């Protein structure tokens, strides 16, 4: 992983995180409305806001951490934890994989350099592989 490209991409992600996470959350709920029932809405949140807060923003921070430390394997433990916890709330491999794919699609919709685009594709592939592995889909 090229350090400069990774740092630049992490900065772009931080700059656009709120809008990117909102777009991914809205898309997830539109395609998978059943996710709304897995959210604890005891607070005064709309489902898209709550999903963004508890899932997509967490993914965004994980991606930024991977970029800043240049260690994709940092994602392994977090994604394994999610698999151990989220299926009890109705979250499936399909939901997790869709969130990862759409997150990286939205990220690549930003004005990124060729190197940033390539790195985002590599990270997407890595994250999807880990999600499939922890859900025993591989």
Protein backbone atom coordinates (compact mmCIF):
# COMPACT_ATOMS: atom_id res chain seq x y z
CA UNK A 1 0.00 0.00 0.00
CA UNK A 2 1.45 3.35 -1.01
CA UNK A 3 1.60 5.55 2.11
CA UNK A 4 0.86 8.82 0.35
CA UNK A 5 -2.11 7.41 -1.57
CA UNK A 6 -3.47 5.75 1.58
CA UNK A 7 -3.16 8.98 3.61
CA UNK A 8 -4.78 11.04 0.86
CA UNK A 9 -7.66 8.59 0.53
CA UNK A 10 -8.13 8.56 4.31
CA UNK A 11 -8.35 12.36 4.23
CA UNK A 12 -10.92 12.36 1.45
CA UNK A 13 -12.95 9.78 3.33
CA UNK A 14 -12.89 11.89 6.49
CA UNK A 15 -13.93 14.98 4.53
CA UNK A 16 -16.91 13.26 2.89
CA UNK A 17 -17.80 10.73 5.59
CA UNK A 18 -21.14 12.16 6.68
CA UNK A 19 -22.63 12.40 3.17
CA UNK A 20 -21.15 9.09 2.06
CA UNK A 21 -22.51 7.25 5.12
CA UNK A 22 -25.94 8.84 4.73
CA UNK A 23 -26.11 7.72 1.09
CA UNK A 24 -25.10 4.15 1.91
CA UNK A 25 -27.55 3.95 4.82
CA UNK A 26 -30.44 5.22 2.73
CA UNK A 27 -29.62 2.75 -0.02
CA UNK A 28 -29.37 -0.15 2.43
CA UNK A 29 -32.76 0.63 3.95
CA UNK A 30 -34.36 1.08 0.55
CA UNK A 31 -33.14 -2.30 -0.71
CA UNK A 32 -33.25 -4.07 2.68
CA UNK A 33 -36.09 -2.46 4.68
CA UNK A 34 -35.95 -5.38 7.12
CA UNK A 35 -32.80 -3.81 8.57
CA UNK A 36 -34.94 -1.15 10.25
CA UNK A 37 -36.28 -3.79 12.64
CA UNK A 38 -32.74 -4.71 13.71
CA UNK A 39 -32.01 -1.15 14.87
CA UNK A 40 -32.65 -0.08 18.42
CA UNK A 41 -34.64 3.09 17.89
CA UNK A 42 -35.09 4.03 21.54
CA UNK A 43 -33.52 7.35 20.74
CA UNK A 44 -35.13 9.90 18.47
CA UNK A 45 -33.41 8.81 15.27
CA UNK A 46 -34.77 8.11 11.86
CA UNK A 47 -33.81 4.58 10.76
CA UNK A 48 -31.33 5.87 8.14
CA UNK A 49 -29.60 8.08 10.72
CA UNK A 50 -29.38 5.23 13.21
CA UNK A 51 -28.08 2.76 10.60
CA UNK A 52 -25.49 5.30 9.53
CA UNK A 53 -24.38 5.80 13.12
CA UNK A 54 -24.16 2.15 14.19
CA UNK A 55 -22.99 0.51 10.98
CA UNK A 56 -21.83 2.64 8.07
CA UNK A 57 -19.88 5.21 10.10
CA UNK A 58 -18.24 2.34 11.94
CA UNK A 59 -17.23 0.82 8.60
CA UNK A 60 -15.93 4.19 7.46
CA UNK A 61 -13.78 4.55 10.56
CA UNK A 62 -12.48 1.02 10.08
CA UNK A 63 -11.52 1.78 6.48
CA UNK A 64 -9.78 5.00 7.58
CA UNK A 65 -7.88 3.08 10.27
CA UNK A 66 -6.77 0.47 7.73
CA UNK A 67 -5.58 3.27 5.45
CA UNK A 68 -3.78 5.24 8.14
CA UNK A 69 -1.98 2.21 9.56
CA UNK A 70 -1.65 0.55 6.14
CA UNK A 71 -2.82 -2.74 7.65
CA UNK A 72 -5.85 -4.35 5.99
CA UNK A 73 -5.76 -7.15 8.57
CA UNK A 74 -7.01 -4.66 11.18
CA UNK A 75 -10.44 -5.25 9.63
CA UNK A 76 -10.42 -8.98 10.36
CA UNK A 77 -11.21 -8.76 14.07
CA UNK A 78 -13.91 -6.13 13.67
CA UNK A 79 -15.66 -8.06 10.93
CA UNK A 80 -15.39 -11.32 12.89
CA UNK A 81 -16.91 -9.55 15.91
CA UNK A 82 -19.76 -8.27 13.72
CA UNK A 83 -20.48 -11.78 12.51
CA UNK A 84 -20.57 -13.02 16.08
CA UNK A 85 -23.07 -10.36 17.11
CA UNK A 86 -25.14 -9.07 14.19
CA UNK A 87 -26.87 -12.24 12.90
CA UNK A 88 -28.72 -12.37 16.23
CA UNK A 89 -30.28 -9.04 15.20
CA UNK A 90 -31.18 -10.27 11.70
CA UNK A 91 -28.12 -8.93 9.87
CA UNK A 92 -27.01 -11.38 7.18
CA UNK A 93 -24.01 -11.86 4.93
CA UNK A 94 -26.05 -10.24 2.17
CA UNK A 95 -26.57 -7.11 4.27
CA UNK A 96 -22.91 -6.86 5.29
CA UNK A 97 -21.62 -7.47 1.76
CA UNK A 98 -24.04 -4.90 0.30
CA UNK A 99 -22.91 -2.30 2.84
CA UNK A 100 -19.25 -2.90 1.96
CA UNK A 101 -19.87 -2.83 -1.82
CA UNK A 102 -22.00 0.31 -1.71
CA UNK A 103 -19.64 2.05 0.68
CA UNK A 104 -16.75 1.60 -1.72
CA UNK A 105 -18.94 2.52 -4.73
CA UNK A 106 -19.81 5.80 -3.03
CA UNK A 107 -16.18 6.35 -2.10
CA UNK A 108 -15.12 5.86 -5.74
CA UNK A 109 -17.79 8.37 -6.83
CA UNK A 110 -15.66 11.05 -5.17
CA UNK A 111 -13.02 12.81 -7.27
CA UNK A 112 -10.23 10.32 -6.62
CA UNK A 113 -6.89 9.86 -8.34
CA UNK A 114 -6.20 6.68 -10.30
CA UNK A 115 -4.13 5.39 -7.39
CA UNK A 116 -6.90 6.11 -4.89
CA UNK A 117 -9.42 4.37 -7.14
CA UNK A 118 -7.18 1.31 -7.35
CA UNK A 119 -6.55 1.24 -3.63
CA UNK A 120 -10.27 1.50 -2.91
CA UNK A 121 -10.90 -1.50 -5.20
CA UNK A 122 -8.20 -3.50 -3.43
CA UNK A 123 -9.66 -2.68 -0.02
CA UNK A 124 -13.18 -3.48 -1.17
CA UNK A 125 -12.01 -6.88 -2.38
CA UNK A 126 -10.22 -7.50 0.92
CA UNK A 127 -13.23 -6.50 3.02
CA UNK A 128 -15.63 -8.60 0.93
CA UNK A 129 -13.32 -11.59 1.22
CA UNK A 130 -13.20 -11.26 5.00
CA UNK A 131 -16.99 -10.83 5.25
CA UNK A 132 -17.50 -13.96 3.14
CA UNK A 133 -14.97 -15.88 5.20
CA UNK A 134 -16.49 -15.00 8.58
CA UNK A 135 -19.97 -15.85 7.31
CA UNK A 136 -18.61 -19.11 5.85
CA UNK A 137 -19.78 -18.17 2.36
CA UNK A 138 -16.42 -18.64 0.62
